[in-house]
Amino acid sequence: MRAFIASILRHWPALAFVTSAAMLAIAHAFQTFGHLAPCTLCLYERQVYWVALPIAALAFIASQGVSPKVFTPWIGGLLALIFLTGAGIAIYHAGAEWKFWPGPTTCSSAGGGVSAAGLADLMNGAKVEAPRCDKAAWVFLGLSMAGWNALISLKLAGWTIAWTIRGRSRKP
């Protein structure tokens, strides 16, 4: 088990990059092939992974010894903060779905806005329902996509913190 953990930590920046890209690909697949339109909070959750991609690439470069070791803890800390932000957004989203607290008024049953294009569609007879942040569109093993994203984001943050601490404790 110790060798497995060491292997993950040794390759963590690349794994963080690949996981972030995979999360974006999965979200896009649900949207394209599953016809599940993202709500406002879903889009915020995706933005976190878009921000994480270049930072994970920088972490990979730093882990290869290309940059001075002094940057590695800063890059690792920034990447962990990004993933923790993603977890926070996903927890908020999942909580709105479970009705623990209200979701944003722009995409929950408490209210919402209508775009000009949406209004034109409605006037032409289309039945348009905007994606709602307070209703889970997909559930697997009792967790919505937001719930799974919260768990994955927390895992990513934990591994990033472990990678950062391991990098600081290693002797140059």
N, C-alpha and C. Protein backbone atom coordinates (compact mmCIF):
# COMPACT_ATOMS: atom_id res chain seq x y z
N MET A 1 0.83 -1.19 0.00
CA MET A 1 0.00 0.00 0.00
C MET A 1 0.88 1.26 0.00
N ARG A 2 1.96 1.19 0.74
CA ARG A 2 2.87 2.33 0.81
C ARG A 2 3.47 2.65 -0.56
N ALA A 3 3.79 1.60 -1.32
CA ALA A 3 4.35 1.81 -2.66
C ALA A 3 3.30 2.41 -3.59
N PHE A 4 2.06 1.99 -3.43
CA PHE A 4 0.97 2.53 -4.24
C PHE A 4 0.80 4.03 -3.98
N ILE A 5 0.78 4.41 -2.72
CA ILE A 5 0.65 5.83 -2.35
C ILE A 5 1.84 6.63 -2.86
N ALA A 6 3.04 6.08 -2.71
CA ALA A 6 4.24 6.76 -3.20
C ALA A 6 4.18 6.96 -4.71
N SER A 7 3.65 5.97 -5.42
CA SER A 7 3.54 6.07 -6.87
C SER A 7 2.55 7.17 -7.26
N ILE A 8 1.43 7.23 -6.56
CA ILE A 8 0.44 8.28 -6.85
C ILE A 8 1.05 9.66 -6.58
N LEU A 9 1.73 9.81 -5.46
CA LEU A 9 2.32 11.10 -5.13
C LEU A 9 3.43 11.48 -6.11
N ARG A 10 4.19 10.49 -6.57
CA ARG A 10 5.26 10.77 -7.52
C ARG A 10 4.70 11.30 -8.84
N HIS A 11 3.53 10.80 -9.23
CA HIS A 11 2.93 11.19 -10.50
C HIS A 11 1.73 12.12 -10.31
N TRP A 12 1.58 12.68 -9.10
CA TRP A 12 0.36 13.42 -8.81
C TRP A 12 0.05 14.57 -9.75
N PRO A 13 0.98 15.45 -10.09
CA PRO A 13 0.59 16.56 -10.97
C PRO A 13 0.00 16.09 -12.30
N ALA A 14 0.57 15.04 -12.88
CA ALA A 14 0.02 14.50 -14.13
C ALA A 14 -1.36 13.90 -13.88
N LEU A 15 -1.52 13.20 -12.77
CA LEU A 15 -2.82 12.61 -12.44
C LEU A 15 -3.88 13.70 -12.18
N ALA A 16 -3.47 14.79 -11.54
CA ALA A 16 -4.40 15.90 -11.31
C ALA A 16 -4.83 16.51 -12.63
N PHE A 17 -3.90 16.65 -13.55
CA PHE A 17 -4.21 17.19 -14.87
C PHE A 17 -5.18 16.27 -15.61
N VAL A 18 -4.87 14.97 -15.63
CA VAL A 18 -5.71 13.99 -16.34
C VAL A 18 -7.09 13.90 -15.70
N THR A 19 -7.15 13.93 -14.37
CA THR A 19 -8.45 13.86 -13.69
C THR A 19 -9.29 15.10 -14.00
N SER A 20 -8.67 16.27 -14.00
CA SER A 20 -9.40 17.50 -14.33
C SER A 20 -9.94 17.44 -15.76
N ALA A 21 -9.10 16.98 -16.68
CA ALA A 21 -9.55 16.86 -18.07
C ALA A 21 -10.66 15.82 -18.19
N ALA A 22 -10.55 14.73 -17.45
CA ALA A 22 -11.59 13.69 -17.49
C ALA A 22 -12.91 14.21 -16.92
N MET A 23 -12.85 15.00 -15.85
CA MET A 23 -14.08 15.56 -15.28
C MET A 23 -14.77 16.48 -16.28
N LEU A 24 -14.00 17.27 -17.01
CA LEU A 24 -14.59 18.13 -18.04
C LEU A 24 -15.18 17.29 -19.17
N ALA A 25 -14.47 16.24 -19.57
CA ALA A 25 -14.97 15.37 -20.64
C ALA A 25 -16.25 14.66 -20.22
N ILE A 26 -16.30 14.19 -18.99
CA ILE A 26 -17.50 13.51 -18.49
C ILE A 26 -18.68 14.47 -18.45
N ALA A 27 -18.45 15.69 -17.96
CA ALA A 27 -19.53 16.68 -17.91
C ALA A 27 -20.03 16.98 -19.33
N HIS A 28 -19.10 17.11 -20.26
CA HIS A 28 -19.48 17.37 -21.64
C HIS A 28 -20.26 16.19 -22.22
N ALA A 29 -19.86 14.97 -21.89
CA ALA A 29 -20.56 13.78 -22.38
C ALA A 29 -21.99 13.71 -21.83
N PHE A 30 -22.15 14.02 -20.54
CA PHE A 30 -23.50 14.05 -19.98
C PHE A 30 -24.36 15.09 -20.70
N GLN A 31 -23.75 16.22 -21.04
CA GLN A 31 -24.49 17.27 -21.72
C GLN A 31 -24.81 16.88 -23.16
N THR A 32 -23.82 16.35 -23.88
CA THR A 32 -23.99 16.06 -25.30
C THR A 32 -24.80 14.78 -25.54
N PHE A 33 -24.40 13.70 -24.88
CA PHE A 33 -25.03 12.41 -25.15
C PHE A 33 -26.20 12.11 -24.21
N GLY A 34 -26.14 12.63 -23.00
CA GLY A 34 -27.22 12.41 -22.04
C GLY A 34 -28.29 13.48 -22.10
N HIS A 35 -28.03 14.53 -22.88
CA HIS A 35 -28.97 15.65 -23.04
C HIS A 35 -29.34 16.27 -21.69
N LEU A 36 -28.36 16.37 -20.79
CA LEU A 36 -28.56 17.00 -19.49
C LEU A 36 -27.91 18.38 -19.53
N ALA A 37 -28.71 19.39 -19.73
CA ALA A 37 -28.20 20.76 -19.81
C ALA A 37 -27.68 21.18 -18.44
N PRO A 38 -26.52 21.83 -18.40
CA PRO A 38 -25.97 22.26 -17.11
C PRO A 38 -26.69 23.48 -16.56
N CYS A 39 -26.86 23.50 -15.26
CA CYS A 39 -27.41 24.68 -14.59
C CYS A 39 -26.26 25.65 -14.29
N THR A 40 -26.58 26.75 -13.69
CA THR A 40 -25.57 27.77 -13.38
C THR A 40 -24.47 27.21 -12.48
N LEU A 41 -24.84 26.47 -11.44
CA LEU A 41 -23.83 25.93 -10.53
C LEU A 41 -22.98 24.85 -11.20
N CYS A 42 -23.59 24.07 -12.10
CA CYS A 42 -22.82 23.08 -12.86
C CYS A 42 -21.70 23.77 -13.65
N LEU A 43 -22.05 24.89 -14.26
CA LEU A 43 -21.05 25.63 -15.05
C LEU A 43 -19.95 26.18 -14.16
N TYR A 44 -20.31 26.64 -12.95
CA TYR A 44 -19.28 27.10 -12.01
C TYR A 44 -18.36 25.95 -11.61
N GLU A 45 -18.94 24.78 -11.40
CA GLU A 45 -18.13 23.62 -11.04
C GLU A 45 -17.16 23.27 -12.16
N ARG A 46 -17.58 23.41 -13.39
CA ARG A 46 -16.69 23.13 -14.52
C ARG A 46 -15.56 24.15 -14.59
N GLN A 47 -15.85 25.41 -14.29
CA GLN A 47 -14.82 26.45 -14.35
C GLN A 47 -13.63 26.11 -13.47
N VAL A 48 -13.90 25.48 -12.34
CA VAL A 48 -12.82 25.09 -11.43
C VAL A 48 -11.83 24.18 -12.14
N TYR A 49 -12.33 23.21 -12.90
CA TYR A 49 -11.43 22.29 -13.61
C TYR A 49 -10.68 22.98 -14.74
N TRP A 50 -11.32 23.95 -15.38
CA TRP A 50 -10.61 24.71 -16.41
C TRP A 50 -9.45 25.50 -15.80
N VAL A 51 -9.65 26.02 -14.60
CA VAL A 51 -8.57 26.74 -13.91
C VAL A 51 -7.51 25.76 -13.43
N ALA A 52 -7.94 24.58 -12.99
CA ALA A 52 -6.99 23.59 -12.45
C ALA A 52 -6.04 23.05 -13.53
N LEU A 53 -6.51 22.95 -14.77
CA LEU A 53 -5.67 22.37 -15.82
C LEU A 53 -4.31 23.06 -15.97
N PRO A 54 -4.24 24.37 -16.18
CA PRO A 54 -2.91 24.98 -16.33
C PRO A 54 -2.09 24.96 -15.05
N ILE A 55 -2.75 25.02 -13.89
CA ILE A 55 -2.00 24.97 -12.63
C ILE A 55 -1.43 23.58 -12.43
N ALA A 56 -2.17 22.54 -12.78
CA ALA A 56 -1.66 21.17 -12.70
C ALA A 56 -0.49 20.99 -13.66
N ALA A 57 -0.58 21.62 -14.84
CA ALA A 57 0.54 21.56 -15.79
C ALA A 57 1.78 22.24 -15.20
N LEU A 58 1.57 23.38 -14.52
CA LEU A 58 2.70 24.05 -13.85
C LEU A 58 3.27 23.17 -12.74
N ALA A 59 2.40 22.50 -12.00
CA ALA A 59 2.85 21.60 -10.94
C ALA A 59 3.68 20.46 -11.53
N PHE A 60 3.26 19.95 -12.69
CA PHE A 60 4.02 18.90 -13.35
C PHE A 60 5.40 19.40 -13.74
N ILE A 61 5.45 20.59 -14.32
CA ILE A 61 6.74 21.18 -14.71
C ILE A 61 7.62 21.35 -13.47
N ALA A 62 7.03 21.86 -12.38
CA ALA A 62 7.79 22.06 -11.15
C ALA A 62 8.29 20.73 -10.60
N SER A 63 7.48 19.68 -10.72
CA SER A 63 7.88 18.38 -10.17
C SER A 63 9.00 17.74 -10.97
N GLN A 64 9.20 18.19 -12.21
CA GLN A 64 10.26 17.65 -13.05
C GLN A 64 11.60 18.36 -12.81
N GLY A 65 11.62 19.29 -11.89
CA GLY A 65 12.85 19.99 -11.56
C GLY A 65 13.18 21.11 -12.52
N VAL A 66 12.24 21.49 -13.37
CA VAL A 66 12.48 22.56 -14.34
C VAL A 66 12.49 23.91 -13.64
N SER A 67 11.66 24.06 -12.63
CA SER A 67 11.60 25.32 -11.89
C SER A 67 12.26 25.13 -10.53
N PRO A 68 12.64 26.24 -9.89
CA PRO A 68 13.21 26.11 -8.55
C PRO A 68 12.22 25.48 -7.58
N LYS A 69 12.71 24.66 -6.65
CA LYS A 69 11.86 23.96 -5.68
C LYS A 69 11.03 24.91 -4.83
N VAL A 70 11.42 26.16 -4.74
CA VAL A 70 10.70 27.11 -3.91
C VAL A 70 9.28 27.33 -4.44
N PHE A 71 9.05 27.13 -5.75
CA PHE A 71 7.73 27.35 -6.33
C PHE A 71 6.78 26.19 -6.08
N THR A 72 7.31 25.00 -5.86
CA THR A 72 6.46 23.80 -5.73
C THR A 72 5.41 23.94 -4.64
N PRO A 73 5.75 24.38 -3.40
CA PRO A 73 4.69 24.50 -2.39
C PRO A 73 3.63 25.54 -2.75
N TRP A 74 4.03 26.61 -3.42
CA TRP A 74 3.07 27.63 -3.82
C TRP A 74 2.13 27.10 -4.89
N ILE A 75 2.68 26.38 -5.85
CA ILE A 75 1.85 25.81 -6.90
C ILE A 75 0.92 24.74 -6.31
N GLY A 76 1.47 23.89 -5.44
CA GLY A 76 0.66 22.87 -4.78
C GLY A 76 -0.43 23.48 -3.92
N GLY A 77 -0.10 24.53 -3.19
CA GLY A 77 -1.10 25.20 -2.37
C GLY A 77 -2.19 25.83 -3.20
N LEU A 78 -1.81 26.44 -4.32
CA LEU A 78 -2.80 27.06 -5.21
C LEU A 78 -3.71 25.99 -5.81
N LEU A 79 -3.13 24.87 -6.24
CA LEU A 79 -3.92 23.79 -6.82
C LEU A 79 -4.87 23.20 -5.78
N ALA A 80 -4.40 23.02 -4.56
CA ALA A 80 -5.27 22.52 -3.49
C ALA A 80 -6.41 23.49 -3.22
N LEU A 81 -6.11 24.78 -3.21
CA LEU A 81 -7.14 25.79 -2.99
C LEU A 81 -8.18 25.77 -4.12
N ILE A 82 -7.74 25.57 -5.33
CA ILE A 82 -8.66 25.48 -6.47
C ILE A 82 -9.59 24.29 -6.29
N PHE A 83 -9.04 23.13 -5.92
CA PHE A 83 -9.87 21.94 -5.74
C PHE A 83 -10.80 22.10 -4.53
N LEU A 84 -10.35 22.75 -3.48
CA LEU A 84 -11.22 23.00 -2.33
C LEU A 84 -12.35 23.96 -2.70
N THR A 85 -12.06 24.93 -3.55
CA THR A 85 -13.11 25.82 -4.05
C THR A 85 -14.15 25.02 -4.83
N GLY A 86 -13.68 24.11 -5.67
CA GLY A 86 -14.59 23.24 -6.41
C GLY A 86 -15.44 22.40 -5.48
N ALA A 87 -14.83 21.88 -4.42
CA ALA A 87 -15.60 21.10 -3.44
C ALA A 87 -16.65 21.97 -2.77
N GLY A 88 -16.30 23.20 -2.44
CA GLY A 88 -17.25 24.11 -1.81
C GLY A 88 -18.45 24.40 -2.71
N ILE A 89 -18.17 24.66 -3.99
CA ILE A 89 -19.27 24.91 -4.93
C ILE A 89 -20.14 23.67 -5.07
N ALA A 90 -19.50 22.51 -5.19
CA ALA A 90 -20.25 21.26 -5.35
C ALA A 90 -21.07 20.92 -4.11
N ILE A 91 -20.52 21.17 -2.93
CA ILE A 91 -21.27 20.93 -1.68
C ILE A 91 -22.47 21.88 -1.61
N TYR A 92 -22.27 23.13 -1.97
CA TYR A 92 -23.38 24.09 -2.00
C TYR A 92 -24.46 23.61 -2.98
N HIS A 93 -24.03 23.16 -4.16
CA HIS A 93 -24.96 22.68 -5.17
C HIS A 93 -25.72 21.45 -4.67
N ALA A 94 -25.01 20.48 -4.12
CA ALA A 94 -25.66 19.27 -3.60
C ALA A 94 -26.62 19.62 -2.46
N GLY A 95 -26.23 20.55 -1.62
CA GLY A 95 -27.10 20.98 -0.52
C GLY A 95 -28.37 21.63 -1.03
N ALA A 96 -28.27 22.39 -2.12
CA ALA A 96 -29.46 22.99 -2.72
C ALA A 96 -30.36 21.90 -3.30
N GLU A 97 -29.75 20.87 -3.89
CA GLU A 97 -30.53 19.76 -4.43
C GLU A 97 -31.26 18.99 -3.32
N TRP A 98 -30.61 18.83 -2.19
CA TRP A 98 -31.21 18.14 -1.04
C TRP A 98 -32.12 19.05 -0.23
N LYS A 99 -32.23 20.31 -0.65
CA LYS A 99 -33.09 21.30 0.03
C LYS A 99 -32.59 21.63 1.44
N PHE A 100 -31.27 21.50 1.65
CA PHE A 100 -30.68 21.91 2.92
C PHE A 100 -30.66 23.43 3.02
N TRP A 101 -30.54 24.10 1.89
CA TRP A 101 -30.53 25.56 1.80
C TRP A 101 -31.01 25.93 0.40
N PRO A 102 -31.41 27.16 0.22
CA PRO A 102 -31.90 27.56 -1.11
C PRO A 102 -30.74 27.70 -2.10
N GLY A 103 -31.02 27.36 -3.33
CA GLY A 103 -30.04 27.58 -4.39
C GLY A 103 -30.13 29.00 -4.89
N PRO A 104 -29.28 29.36 -5.84
CA PRO A 104 -29.35 30.71 -6.38
C PRO A 104 -30.70 30.96 -7.06
N THR A 105 -31.20 32.17 -6.97
CA THR A 105 -32.51 32.49 -7.54
C THR A 105 -32.51 32.39 -9.06
N THR A 106 -31.35 32.44 -9.69
CA THR A 106 -31.29 32.36 -11.15
C THR A 106 -31.60 30.97 -11.68
N CYS A 107 -31.51 29.95 -10.83
CA CYS A 107 -31.72 28.60 -11.36
C CYS A 107 -32.41 27.66 -10.37
N SER A 108 -33.17 28.19 -9.45
CA SER A 108 -33.90 27.32 -8.53
C SER A 108 -35.37 27.69 -8.53
N SER A 109 -36.14 26.90 -7.83
CA SER A 109 -37.58 27.11 -7.84
C SER A 109 -37.99 28.42 -7.18
N ALA A 110 -37.05 29.05 -6.48
CA ALA A 110 -37.37 30.32 -5.81
C ALA A 110 -37.55 31.46 -6.81
N GLY A 111 -37.17 31.25 -8.04
CA GLY A 111 -37.29 32.31 -9.04
C GLY A 111 -36.35 32.04 -10.17
N GLY A 112 -36.22 32.94 -11.05
CA GLY A 112 -35.30 32.75 -12.16
C GLY A 112 -35.55 33.76 -13.25
N GLY A 113 -34.56 33.95 -14.07
CA GLY A 113 -34.67 34.90 -15.15
C GLY A 113 -34.97 34.20 -16.46
N VAL A 114 -35.45 34.95 -17.41
CA VAL A 114 -35.75 34.44 -18.74
C VAL A 114 -34.95 35.27 -19.72
N SER A 115 -34.24 34.58 -20.63
CA SER A 115 -33.47 35.29 -21.63
C SER A 115 -34.38 35.70 -22.78
N ALA A 116 -33.90 36.60 -23.61
CA ALA A 116 -34.68 37.05 -24.77
C ALA A 116 -34.90 35.88 -25.73
N ALA A 117 -33.88 35.06 -25.94
CA ALA A 117 -34.02 33.91 -26.82
C ALA A 117 -35.03 32.92 -26.26
N GLY A 118 -34.98 32.70 -24.95
CA GLY A 118 -35.94 31.79 -24.31
C GLY A 118 -37.36 32.32 -24.42
N LEU A 119 -37.51 33.61 -24.27
CA LEU A 119 -38.82 34.23 -24.39
C LEU A 119 -39.35 34.10 -25.82
N ALA A 120 -38.48 34.30 -26.81
CA ALA A 120 -38.88 34.15 -28.21
C ALA A 120 -39.31 32.71 -28.49
N ASP A 121 -38.57 31.74 -27.96
CA ASP A 121 -38.95 30.33 -28.12
C ASP A 121 -40.32 30.06 -27.51
N LEU A 122 -40.55 30.60 -26.34
CA LEU A 122 -41.84 30.41 -25.68
C LEU A 122 -42.97 31.03 -26.50
N MET A 123 -42.71 32.18 -27.08
CA MET A 123 -43.75 32.85 -27.87
C MET A 123 -44.04 32.08 -29.15
N ASN A 124 -43.08 31.30 -29.61
CA ASN A 124 -43.28 30.49 -30.82
C ASN A 124 -43.83 29.11 -30.49
N GLY A 125 -44.19 28.89 -29.24
CA GLY A 125 -44.84 27.64 -28.86
C GLY A 125 -43.93 26.57 -28.29
N ALA A 126 -42.63 26.84 -28.17
CA ALA A 126 -41.72 25.83 -27.63
C ALA A 126 -41.94 25.68 -26.12
N LYS A 127 -41.74 24.48 -25.66
CA LYS A 127 -41.81 24.23 -24.22
C LYS A 127 -40.38 24.18 -23.72
N VAL A 128 -39.97 25.22 -23.05
CA VAL A 128 -38.60 25.35 -22.60
C VAL A 128 -38.58 25.35 -21.08
N GLU A 129 -37.77 24.48 -20.54
CA GLU A 129 -37.58 24.48 -19.10
C GLU A 129 -36.10 24.61 -18.82
N ALA A 130 -35.73 25.68 -18.16
CA ALA A 130 -34.32 25.92 -17.85
C ALA A 130 -33.84 24.90 -16.81
N PRO A 131 -32.58 24.50 -16.91
CA PRO A 131 -32.04 23.58 -15.90
C PRO A 131 -32.10 24.22 -14.51
N ARG A 132 -32.47 23.43 -13.53
CA ARG A 132 -32.61 23.95 -12.17
C ARG A 132 -31.46 23.45 -11.29
N CYS A 133 -30.98 24.36 -10.47
CA CYS A 133 -29.89 24.03 -9.55
C CYS A 133 -30.37 23.25 -8.33
N ASP A 134 -31.65 23.31 -8.05
CA ASP A 134 -32.15 22.66 -6.84
C ASP A 134 -32.84 21.33 -7.11
N LYS A 135 -32.62 20.78 -8.31
CA LYS A 135 -33.19 19.49 -8.66
C LYS A 135 -32.12 18.67 -9.37
N ALA A 136 -31.78 17.51 -8.81
CA ALA A 136 -30.75 16.67 -9.39
C ALA A 136 -31.25 16.07 -10.70
N ALA A 137 -30.50 16.26 -11.77
CA ALA A 137 -30.87 15.72 -13.07
C ALA A 137 -30.47 14.26 -13.21
N TRP A 138 -29.51 13.80 -12.41
CA TRP A 138 -28.97 12.45 -12.51
C TRP A 138 -28.49 12.04 -11.13
N VAL A 139 -28.81 10.83 -10.72
CA VAL A 139 -28.39 10.32 -9.41
C VAL A 139 -27.85 8.91 -9.59
N PHE A 140 -26.72 8.63 -8.96
CA PHE A 140 -26.12 7.29 -8.97
C PHE A 140 -25.69 6.96 -7.55
N LEU A 141 -26.13 5.84 -7.05
CA LEU A 141 -25.83 5.39 -5.69
C LEU A 141 -26.20 6.45 -4.64
N GLY A 142 -27.28 7.15 -4.90
CA GLY A 142 -27.78 8.14 -3.95
C GLY A 142 -27.13 9.50 -4.01
N LEU A 143 -26.17 9.68 -4.90
CA LEU A 143 -25.51 10.98 -5.04
C LEU A 143 -25.74 11.55 -6.43
N SER A 144 -26.00 12.84 -6.47
CA SER A 144 -26.14 13.54 -7.75
C SER A 144 -24.75 13.80 -8.32
N MET A 145 -24.73 14.36 -9.51
CA MET A 145 -23.44 14.74 -10.10
C MET A 145 -22.70 15.72 -9.21
N ALA A 146 -23.44 16.65 -8.60
CA ALA A 146 -22.80 17.61 -7.69
C ALA A 146 -22.21 16.89 -6.48
N GLY A 147 -22.91 15.90 -5.96
CA GLY A 147 -22.39 15.13 -4.82
C GLY A 147 -21.13 14.37 -5.18
N TRP A 148 -21.14 13.73 -6.34
CA TRP A 148 -19.93 13.02 -6.78
C TRP A 148 -18.80 13.99 -7.02
N ASN A 149 -19.11 15.15 -7.59
CA ASN A 149 -18.08 16.15 -7.83
C ASN A 149 -17.48 16.64 -6.52
N ALA A 150 -18.31 16.78 -5.48
CA ALA A 150 -17.79 17.20 -4.17
C ALA A 150 -16.78 16.18 -3.65
N LEU A 151 -17.13 14.90 -3.74
CA LEU A 151 -16.21 13.86 -3.27
C LEU A 151 -14.92 13.83 -4.08
N ILE A 152 -15.04 13.94 -5.39
CA ILE A 152 -13.85 13.93 -6.25
C ILE A 152 -12.99 15.16 -6.00
N SER A 153 -13.61 16.31 -5.85
CA SER A 153 -12.85 17.54 -5.58
C SER A 153 -12.12 17.45 -4.24
N LEU A 154 -12.77 16.88 -3.24
CA LEU A 154 -12.10 16.70 -1.93
C LEU A 154 -10.93 15.72 -2.05
N LYS A 155 -11.12 14.67 -2.83
CA LYS A 155 -10.03 13.72 -3.06
C LYS A 155 -8.86 14.41 -3.76
N LEU A 156 -9.16 15.19 -4.78
CA LEU A 156 -8.11 15.91 -5.50
C LEU A 156 -7.38 16.88 -4.58
N ALA A 157 -8.11 17.58 -3.74
CA ALA A 157 -7.48 18.51 -2.79
C ALA A 157 -6.60 17.75 -1.81
N GLY A 158 -7.10 16.63 -1.30
CA GLY A 158 -6.31 15.83 -0.34
C GLY A 158 -5.02 15.32 -0.93
N TRP A 159 -5.09 14.75 -2.13
CA TRP A 159 -3.87 14.26 -2.78
C TRP A 159 -2.92 15.41 -3.09
N THR A 160 -3.46 16.55 -3.47
CA THR A 160 -2.60 17.70 -3.77
C THR A 160 -1.89 18.19 -2.51
N ILE A 161 -2.61 18.23 -1.40
CA ILE A 161 -1.98 18.63 -0.13
C ILE A 161 -0.89 17.63 0.26
N ALA A 162 -1.20 16.35 0.11
CA ALA A 162 -0.19 15.32 0.43
C ALA A 162 1.03 15.45 -0.48
N TRP A 163 0.82 15.71 -1.76
CA TRP A 163 1.92 15.89 -2.70
C TRP A 163 2.76 17.10 -2.32
N THR A 164 2.10 18.18 -1.93
CA THR A 164 2.80 19.40 -1.55
C THR A 164 3.63 19.17 -0.29
N ILE A 165 3.05 18.53 0.70
CA ILE A 165 3.78 18.25 1.95
C ILE A 165 4.95 17.32 1.69
N ARG A 166 4.73 16.29 0.87
CA ARG A 166 5.81 15.34 0.54
C ARG A 166 6.96 16.07 -0.17
N GLY A 167 6.60 16.99 -1.07
CA GLY A 167 7.63 17.74 -1.78
C GLY A 167 8.44 18.65 -0.87
N ARG A 168 7.78 19.18 0.17
CA ARG A 168 8.49 20.05 1.12
C ARG A 168 9.39 19.25 2.05
N SER A 169 8.97 18.01 2.36
CA SER A 169 9.75 17.22 3.31
C SER A 169 10.94 16.51 2.67
N ARG A 170 10.95 16.42 1.34
CA ARG A 170 12.07 15.77 0.66
C ARG A 170 13.29 16.68 0.68
N LYS A 171 14.41 16.05 0.85
CA LYS A 171 15.66 16.82 0.84
C LYS A 171 16.11 17.04 -0.59
N PRO A 172 16.60 18.24 -0.89
CA PRO A 172 17.02 18.53 -2.28
C PRO A 172 18.24 17.74 -2.68
